[in-house]
Amino acid sequence: MCMTSGYTNGMTKQIAIKLPDEWLGGIDRLVEDGTFDSRSQAVRSGLEAMIDAHRNAAVDQSYR
């Protein structure tokens, strides 16, 4: 898992999302366990991993 500290390049934008209680509970446990410093950091890390995986899959596909 790629855990970033701080923000990545450029300015950031704030967005509002709605999550099921089950997901929010999972995020809260990750924060309580010390895996992440905050809910925001956990969500950013998850989104970063998803975007990286999608990008890597596209690169892999281009080599086929």
C-alpha atoms as a PDB file:
ATOM      1  CA  MET A   1       0.000   0.000   0.000  1.00  0.00           C
ATOM      2  CA  CYS A   2       1.343   3.435  -0.893  1.00  0.00           C
ATOM      3  CA  MET A   3       0.814   5.768   2.041  1.00  0.00           C
ATOM      4  CA  THR A   4       1.583   9.377   1.285  1.00  0.00           C
ATOM      5  CA  SER A   5       2.323  12.007   3.852  1.00  0.00           C
ATOM      6  CA  GLY A   6       0.918  15.401   3.093  1.00  0.00           C
ATOM      7  CA  TYR A   7      -0.441  16.325  -0.278  1.00  0.00           C
ATOM      8  CA  THR A   8       0.755  15.471  -3.736  1.00  0.00           C
ATOM      9  CA  ASN A   9       1.634  17.990  -6.441  1.00  0.00           C
ATOM     10  CA  GLY A  10      -0.533  21.058  -6.857  1.00  0.00           C
ATOM     11  CA  MET A  11      -3.484  22.428  -5.029  1.00  0.00           C
ATOM     12  CA  THR A  12      -6.133  20.189  -3.556  1.00  0.00           C
ATOM     13  CA  LYS A  13      -9.903  20.398  -3.849  1.00  0.00           C
ATOM     14  CA  GLN A  14     -12.382  19.448  -1.165  1.00  0.00           C
ATOM     15  CA  ILE A  15     -15.238  17.139  -2.144  1.00  0.00           C
ATOM     16  CA  ALA A  16     -18.161  15.716  -0.207  1.00  0.00           C
ATOM     17  CA  ILE A  17     -18.951  12.017  -0.387  1.00  0.00           C
ATOM     18  CA  LYS A  18     -21.475   9.738   1.260  1.00  0.00           C
ATOM     19  CA  LEU A  19     -20.262   6.383   2.564  1.00  0.00           C
ATOM     20  CA  PRO A  20     -22.099   3.435   4.059  1.00  0.00           C
ATOM     21  CA  ASP A  21     -21.712   3.100   7.836  1.00  0.00           C
ATOM     22  CA  GLU A  22     -19.781  -0.148   7.321  1.00  0.00           C
ATOM     23  CA  TRP A  23     -17.134   1.580   5.196  1.00  0.00           C
ATOM     24  CA  LEU A  24     -16.863   4.513   7.586  1.00  0.00           C
ATOM     25  CA  GLY A  25     -16.428   2.092  10.481  1.00  0.00           C
ATOM     26  CA  GLY A  26     -13.605   0.390   8.582  1.00  0.00           C
ATOM     27  CA  ILE A  27     -11.926   3.730   7.938  1.00  0.00           C
ATOM     28  CA  ASP A  28     -12.292   4.675  11.597  1.00  0.00           C
ATOM     29  CA  ARG A  29     -10.659   1.396  12.655  1.00  0.00           C
ATOM     30  CA  LEU A  30      -7.707   2.094  10.347  1.00  0.00           C
ATOM     31  CA  VAL A  31      -7.308   5.508  11.987  1.00  0.00           C
ATOM     32  CA  GLU A  32      -7.678   4.073  15.497  1.00  0.00           C
ATOM     33  CA  ASP A  33      -5.088   1.382  14.704  1.00  0.00           C
ATOM     34  CA  GLY A  34      -2.662   4.078  13.569  1.00  0.00           C
ATOM     35  CA  THR A  35      -2.550   2.934   9.943  1.00  0.00           C
ATOM     36  CA  PHE A  36      -3.601   6.438   8.909  1.00  0.00           C
ATOM     37  CA  ASP A  37      -3.549   9.764  10.713  1.00  0.00           C
ATOM     38  CA  SER A  38      -7.064  10.739   9.649  1.00  0.00           C
ATOM     39  CA  ARG A  39     -10.110   9.693   7.686  1.00  0.00           C
ATOM     40  CA  SER A  40      -9.023  12.034   4.903  1.00  0.00           C
ATOM     41  CA  GLN A  41      -5.612  10.417   4.655  1.00  0.00           C
ATOM     42  CA  ALA A  42      -7.204   6.950   4.491  1.00  0.00           C
ATOM     43  CA  VAL A  43      -9.601   7.977   1.726  1.00  0.00           C
ATOM     44  CA  ARG A  44      -6.845   9.741  -0.252  1.00  0.00           C
ATOM     45  CA  SER A  45      -4.635   6.669   0.029  1.00  0.00           C
ATOM     46  CA  GLY A  46      -7.421   4.382  -1.183  1.00  0.00           C
ATOM     47  CA  LEU A  47      -8.186   6.626  -4.131  1.00  0.00           C
ATOM     48  CA  GLU A  48      -4.496   6.908  -4.986  1.00  0.00           C
ATOM     49  CA  ALA A  49      -4.168   3.103  -4.960  1.00  0.00           C
ATOM     50  CA  MET A  50      -7.227   2.719  -7.203  1.00  0.00           C
ATOM     51  CA  ILE A  51      -5.987   5.322  -9.691  1.00  0.00           C
ATOM     52  CA  ASP A  52      -2.487   3.770  -9.727  1.00  0.00           C
ATOM     53  CA  ALA A  53      -3.949   0.288 -10.308  1.00  0.00           C
ATOM     54  CA  HIS A  54      -6.082   1.572 -13.179  1.00  0.00           C
ATOM     55  CA  ARG A  55      -3.105   3.363 -14.731  1.00  0.00           C
ATOM     56  CA  ASN A  56      -0.905   0.263 -14.357  1.00  0.00           C
ATOM     57  CA  ALA A  57      -3.581  -1.934 -15.924  1.00  0.00           C
ATOM     58  CA  ALA A  58      -3.794   0.439 -18.885  1.00  0.00           C
ATOM     59  CA  VAL A  59      -0.015   0.328 -19.324  1.00  0.00           C
ATOM     60  CA  ASP A  60      -0.025  -3.484 -19.074  1.00  0.00           C
ATOM     61  CA  GLN A  61      -2.809  -3.647 -21.669  1.00  0.00           C
ATOM     62  CA  SER A  62      -0.806  -1.474 -24.060  1.00  0.00           C
ATOM     63  CA  TYR A  63       1.984  -4.075 -24.055  1.00  0.00           C
ATOM     64  CA  ARG A  64      -0.319  -6.904 -25.159  1.00  0.00           C
END
